[in-house]
Amino acid sequence: MVRRFRGEFHQKVDGKGRVSIPAGFRRVLENGDPAWSEGKSPEFVIVYGDHRRQYLECYTLEAAAEVDAQIAELPRGSIERRMLERLFNGQSLPSSVDETGRIVLPAKLRTKIGLDDTAYFIATGDTFQIWKPETFDEVEAARTEAWLDQQPEDFDPLTLLDKTRGG
């Protein structure tokens, strides 16, 4: 059964960079880790990316393997493959959830996204993102509002799904 990340949460970050993963997110991480079993810590991948990325994107092991497979289909030695390998594999960090449901975000990653004492978690389907709350509001929430403002007053975003079926 494929499980999706759902919801948004504000979580406290302590001085050592420890932050609790929302319980529902932990279930998805467990489901997306083929080696996970009761009593074990689920593993996942944090992609921090290049200087333009203002958030951390967290992939289940299965979702990361899907991206890896797509990258491997590109011609070996091509600039596209090399760049994707660098941005996805090189600028990422394997991680795991500890027995208390927390992860440790290294200082390098906290500094990169300007994270202080609160992290904003938002689901994005088969991944979730971790943002500094103020940055999310300034960048992504503003982008979403601007896009919605361009739509008709009675716009229903689910109508976009009709286009995926050729409708």
C-alpha atoms as a PDB file:
ATOM      1  CA  MET A   1       0.000   0.000   0.000  1.00  0.00           C
ATOM      2  CA  VAL A   2       1.395   3.371  -1.022  1.00  0.00           C
ATOM      3  CA  ARG A   3       1.057   5.967   1.684  1.00  0.00           C
ATOM      4  CA  ARG A   4       1.295   9.699   1.134  1.00  0.00           C
ATOM      5  CA  PHE A   5       2.486  12.453   3.414  1.00  0.00           C
ATOM      6  CA  ARG A   6      -0.399  14.734   4.396  1.00  0.00           C
ATOM      7  CA  GLY A   7      -0.686  17.905   6.444  1.00  0.00           C
ATOM      8  CA  GLU A   8       1.433  20.735   7.765  1.00  0.00           C
ATOM      9  CA  PHE A   9       3.012  21.120  11.185  1.00  0.00           C
ATOM     10  CA  HIS A  10       5.153  23.488  13.233  1.00  0.00           C
ATOM     11  CA  GLN A  11       7.708  21.591  15.312  1.00  0.00           C
ATOM     12  CA  LYS A  12      10.171  22.867  17.931  1.00  0.00           C
ATOM     13  CA  VAL A  13      13.892  22.516  17.179  1.00  0.00           C
ATOM     14  CA  ASP A  14      16.201  22.231  20.173  1.00  0.00           C
ATOM     15  CA  GLY A  15      19.729  23.627  20.446  1.00  0.00           C
ATOM     16  CA  LYS A  16      21.253  20.381  19.168  1.00  0.00           C
ATOM     17  CA  GLY A  17      19.076  20.405  16.053  1.00  0.00           C
ATOM     18  CA  ARG A  18      16.704  17.694  17.222  1.00  0.00           C
ATOM     19  CA  VAL A  19      13.150  17.944  15.918  1.00  0.00           C
ATOM     20  CA  SER A  20      10.194  15.582  16.174  1.00  0.00           C
ATOM     21  CA  ILE A  21       8.835  14.149  12.963  1.00  0.00           C
ATOM     22  CA  PRO A  22       5.007  14.338  12.919  1.00  0.00           C
ATOM     23  CA  ALA A  23       3.556  10.921  13.808  1.00  0.00           C
ATOM     24  CA  GLY A  24       1.729  10.501  10.477  1.00  0.00           C
ATOM     25  CA  PHE A  25       4.937  11.295   8.608  1.00  0.00           C
ATOM     26  CA  ARG A  26       6.774   8.621  10.607  1.00  0.00           C
ATOM     27  CA  ARG A  27       4.234   5.990   9.465  1.00  0.00           C
ATOM     28  CA  VAL A  28       4.882   6.926   5.824  1.00  0.00           C
ATOM     29  CA  LEU A  29       8.663   6.781   6.380  1.00  0.00           C
ATOM     30  CA  GLU A  30       8.290   3.327   7.929  1.00  0.00           C
ATOM     31  CA  ASN A  31       6.174   2.157   5.000  1.00  0.00           C
ATOM     32  CA  GLY A  32       8.705   3.557   2.511  1.00  0.00           C
ATOM     33  CA  ASP A  33      11.705   1.803   4.084  1.00  0.00           C
ATOM     34  CA  PRO A  34      11.892  -1.801   2.783  1.00  0.00           C
ATOM     35  CA  ALA A  35      14.174  -2.833   5.675  1.00  0.00           C
ATOM     36  CA  TRP A  36      11.992  -1.342   8.426  1.00  0.00           C
ATOM     37  CA  SER A  37      10.304  -3.569  10.963  1.00  0.00           C
ATOM     38  CA  GLU A  38       8.725  -2.966  14.376  1.00  0.00           C
ATOM     39  CA  GLY A  39      11.318  -1.652  16.812  1.00  0.00           C
ATOM     40  CA  LYS A  40      13.684  -0.402  14.088  1.00  0.00           C
ATOM     41  CA  SER A  41      14.319   3.201  13.087  1.00  0.00           C
ATOM     42  CA  PRO A  42      13.001   4.099   9.626  1.00  0.00           C
ATOM     43  CA  GLU A  43      15.603   5.494   7.276  1.00  0.00           C
ATOM     44  CA  PHE A  44      15.059   8.220   4.691  1.00  0.00           C
ATOM     45  CA  VAL A  45      16.987  10.768   2.611  1.00  0.00           C
ATOM     46  CA  ILE A  46      17.194  14.532   3.149  1.00  0.00           C
ATOM     47  CA  VAL A  47      18.011  16.422  -0.052  1.00  0.00           C
ATOM     48  CA  TYR A  48      19.317  19.910   0.655  1.00  0.00           C
ATOM     49  CA  GLY A  49      20.364  20.806  -2.892  1.00  0.00           C
ATOM     50  CA  ASP A  50      22.035  23.872  -4.284  1.00  0.00           C
ATOM     51  CA  HIS A  51      22.241  27.448  -3.010  1.00  0.00           C
ATOM     52  CA  ARG A  52      18.837  28.363  -4.477  1.00  0.00           C
ATOM     53  CA  ARG A  53      16.912  25.748  -2.486  1.00  0.00           C
ATOM     54  CA  GLN A  54      15.515  27.322   0.684  1.00  0.00           C
ATOM     55  CA  TYR A  55      14.125  24.135   2.206  1.00  0.00           C
ATOM     56  CA  LEU A  56      14.998  20.512   2.896  1.00  0.00           C
ATOM     57  CA  GLU A  57      13.149  17.815   0.961  1.00  0.00           C
ATOM     58  CA  CYS A  58      12.739  14.451   2.652  1.00  0.00           C
ATOM     59  CA  TYR A  59      12.251  11.268   0.610  1.00  0.00           C
ATOM     60  CA  THR A  60      11.318   7.790   1.733  1.00  0.00           C
ATOM     61  CA  LEU A  61      13.933   5.252   0.643  1.00  0.00           C
ATOM     62  CA  GLU A  62      11.493   3.974  -1.984  1.00  0.00           C
ATOM     63  CA  ALA A  63      10.856   7.479  -3.380  1.00  0.00           C
ATOM     64  CA  ALA A  64      14.619   8.172  -3.477  1.00  0.00           C
ATOM     65  CA  ALA A  65      15.163   4.866  -5.309  1.00  0.00           C
ATOM     66  CA  GLU A  66      12.587   5.922  -7.932  1.00  0.00           C
ATOM     67  CA  VAL A  67      14.505   9.161  -8.572  1.00  0.00           C
ATOM     68  CA  ASP A  68      17.813   7.265  -8.654  1.00  0.00           C
ATOM     69  CA  ALA A  69      16.374   4.887 -11.263  1.00  0.00           C
ATOM     70  CA  GLN A  70      15.280   7.799 -13.449  1.00  0.00           C
ATOM     71  CA  ILE A  71      18.710   9.416 -13.164  1.00  0.00           C
ATOM     72  CA  ALA A  72      20.364   6.093 -14.102  1.00  0.00           C
ATOM     73  CA  GLU A  73      18.336   6.025 -17.337  1.00  0.00           C
ATOM     74  CA  LEU A  74      20.140   9.150 -18.569  1.00  0.00           C
ATOM     75  CA  PRO A  75      23.245   8.565 -20.685  1.00  0.00           C
ATOM     76  CA  ARG A  76      26.300   7.902 -18.555  1.00  0.00           C
ATOM     77  CA  GLY A  77      28.626  10.892 -18.699  1.00  0.00           C
ATOM     78  CA  SER A  78      25.940  13.309 -19.917  1.00  0.00           C
ATOM     79  CA  ILE A  79      25.876  16.712 -18.273  1.00  0.00           C
ATOM     80  CA  GLU A  80      22.232  16.144 -17.257  1.00  0.00           C
ATOM     81  CA  ARG A  81      23.077  12.914 -15.468  1.00  0.00           C
ATOM     82  CA  ARG A  82      26.129  14.390 -13.781  1.00  0.00           C
ATOM     83  CA  MET A  83      24.210  17.434 -12.570  1.00  0.00           C
ATOM     84  CA  LEU A  84      21.281  15.378 -11.263  1.00  0.00           C
ATOM     85  CA  GLU A  85      23.656  12.976  -9.519  1.00  0.00           C
ATOM     86  CA  ARG A  86      25.399  15.929  -7.901  1.00  0.00           C
ATOM     87  CA  LEU A  87      22.195  17.758  -6.921  1.00  0.00           C
ATOM     88  CA  PHE A  88      20.237  14.704  -5.783  1.00  0.00           C
ATOM     89  CA  ASN A  89      22.892  12.286  -4.517  1.00  0.00           C
ATOM     90  CA  GLY A  90      25.814  14.544  -3.657  1.00  0.00           C
ATOM     91  CA  GLN A  91      23.753  17.200  -1.903  1.00  0.00           C
ATOM     92  CA  SER A  92      21.763  14.834   0.246  1.00  0.00           C
ATOM     93  CA  LEU A  93      22.084  13.157   3.590  1.00  0.00           C
ATOM     94  CA  PRO A  94      20.910   9.707   4.694  1.00  0.00           C
ATOM     95  CA  SER A  95      19.030   9.997   7.977  1.00  0.00           C
ATOM     96  CA  SER A  96      16.876   8.004  10.359  1.00  0.00           C
ATOM     97  CA  VAL A  97      14.203   8.641  12.945  1.00  0.00           C
ATOM     98  CA  ASP A  98      15.334   7.822  16.480  1.00  0.00           C
ATOM     99  CA  GLU A  99      13.371   5.825  19.055  1.00  0.00           C
ATOM    100  CA  THR A 100      11.710   9.030  20.338  1.00  0.00           C
ATOM    101  CA  GLY A 101      10.443  10.026  16.878  1.00  0.00           C
ATOM    102  CA  ARG A 102      13.065  12.717  16.322  1.00  0.00           C
ATOM    103  CA  ILE A 103      15.744  13.441  13.771  1.00  0.00           C
ATOM    104  CA  VAL A 104      18.874  15.522  14.138  1.00  0.00           C
ATOM    105  CA  LEU A 105      19.287  18.259  11.560  1.00  0.00           C
ATOM    106  CA  PRO A 106      23.013  19.010  11.295  1.00  0.00           C
ATOM    107  CA  ALA A 107      24.115  22.618  11.832  1.00  0.00           C
ATOM    108  CA  LYS A 108      25.087  22.855   8.133  1.00  0.00           C
ATOM    109  CA  LEU A 109      21.499  22.161   7.055  1.00  0.00           C
ATOM    110  CA  ARG A 110      19.942  24.406   9.714  1.00  0.00           C
ATOM    111  CA  THR A 111      22.244  27.232   8.661  1.00  0.00           C
ATOM    112  CA  LYS A 112      21.517  26.664   4.972  1.00  0.00           C
ATOM    113  CA  ILE A 113      17.774  27.263   5.432  1.00  0.00           C
ATOM    114  CA  GLY A 114      18.100  29.703   8.353  1.00  0.00           C
ATOM    115  CA  LEU A 115      16.327  27.405  10.799  1.00  0.00           C
ATOM    116  CA  ASP A 116      16.172  28.562  14.404  1.00  0.00           C
ATOM    117  CA  ASP A 117      13.810  27.223  17.055  1.00  0.00           C
ATOM    118  CA  THR A 118      10.815  26.215  14.916  1.00  0.00           C
ATOM    119  CA  ALA A 119      10.591  24.116  11.747  1.00  0.00           C
ATOM    120  CA  TYR A 120       7.643  24.102   9.372  1.00  0.00           C
ATOM    121  CA  PHE A 121       6.856  20.668   7.900  1.00  0.00           C
ATOM    122  CA  ILE A 122       4.604  20.461   4.850  1.00  0.00           C
ATOM    123  CA  ALA A 123       3.540  17.349   2.972  1.00  0.00           C
ATOM    124  CA  THR A 124       4.138  17.211  -0.769  1.00  0.00           C
ATOM    125  CA  GLY A 125       2.703  13.791  -1.585  1.00  0.00           C
ATOM    126  CA  ASP A 126       5.541  11.288  -1.711  1.00  0.00           C
ATOM    127  CA  THR A 127       7.965  13.689  -0.006  1.00  0.00           C
ATOM    128  CA  PHE A 128       7.784  16.322   2.701  1.00  0.00           C
ATOM    129  CA  GLN A 129       9.615  19.596   3.065  1.00  0.00           C
ATOM    130  CA  ILE A 130      11.149  21.322   6.074  1.00  0.00           C
ATOM    131  CA  TRP A 131      11.218  25.130   5.979  1.00  0.00           C
ATOM    132  CA  LYS A 132      11.962  28.050   8.220  1.00  0.00           C
ATOM    133  CA  PRO A 133       8.340  29.162   8.808  1.00  0.00           C
ATOM    134  CA  GLU A 134       8.952  32.787   7.804  1.00  0.00           C
ATOM    135  CA  THR A 135      10.679  31.766   4.572  1.00  0.00           C
ATOM    136  CA  PHE A 136       7.789  29.489   3.632  1.00  0.00           C
ATOM    137  CA  ASP A 137       5.318  32.325   4.223  1.00  0.00           C
ATOM    138  CA  GLU A 138       7.385  34.804   2.197  1.00  0.00           C
ATOM    139  CA  VAL A 139       8.206  32.470  -0.688  1.00  0.00           C
ATOM    140  CA  GLU A 140       5.813  29.554  -1.127  1.00  0.00           C
ATOM    141  CA  ALA A 141       2.638  30.810   0.507  1.00  0.00           C
ATOM    142  CA  ALA A 142       2.995  34.082  -1.415  1.00  0.00           C
ATOM    143  CA  ARG A 143       3.552  32.152  -4.667  1.00  0.00           C
ATOM    144  CA  THR A 144       0.441  30.029  -4.047  1.00  0.00           C
ATOM    145  CA  GLU A 145      -1.674  33.090  -3.250  1.00  0.00           C
ATOM    146  CA  ALA A 146      -0.448  34.894  -6.380  1.00  0.00           C
ATOM    147  CA  TRP A 147      -1.277  31.856  -8.529  1.00  0.00           C
ATOM    148  CA  LEU A 148      -4.738  31.523  -6.988  1.00  0.00           C
ATOM    149  CA  ASP A 149      -5.358  35.253  -7.524  1.00  0.00           C
ATOM    150  CA  GLN A 150      -4.831  34.672 -11.272  1.00  0.00           C
ATOM    151  CA  GLN A 151      -7.624  32.075 -11.340  1.00  0.00           C
ATOM    152  CA  PRO A 152     -11.358  32.763 -11.727  1.00  0.00           C
ATOM    153  CA  GLU A 153     -13.290  33.376  -8.486  1.00  0.00           C
ATOM    154  CA  ASP A 154     -15.051  29.980  -8.750  1.00  0.00           C
ATOM    155  CA  PHE A 155     -11.827  28.078  -9.571  1.00  0.00           C
ATOM    156  CA  ASP A 156     -11.563  24.572  -8.121  1.00  0.00           C
ATOM    157  CA  PRO A 157      -7.932  23.306  -8.173  1.00  0.00           C
ATOM    158  CA  LEU A 158      -9.138  19.717  -8.621  1.00  0.00           C
ATOM    159  CA  THR A 159     -10.223  20.635 -12.166  1.00  0.00           C
ATOM    160  CA  LEU A 160      -6.515  20.542 -13.060  1.00  0.00           C
ATOM    161  CA  LEU A 161      -6.665  16.777 -12.611  1.00  0.00           C
ATOM    162  CA  ASP A 162      -8.992  16.499 -15.589  1.00  0.00           C
ATOM    163  CA  LYS A 163      -6.031  17.482 -17.776  1.00  0.00           C
ATOM    164  CA  THR A 164      -4.082  14.432 -16.589  1.00  0.00           C
ATOM    165  CA  ARG A 165      -6.760  12.186 -18.087  1.00  0.00           C
ATOM    166  CA  GLY A 166      -6.907  14.049 -21.370  1.00  0.00           C
ATOM    167  CA  GLY A 167     -10.112  15.843 -20.304  1.00  0.00           C
END
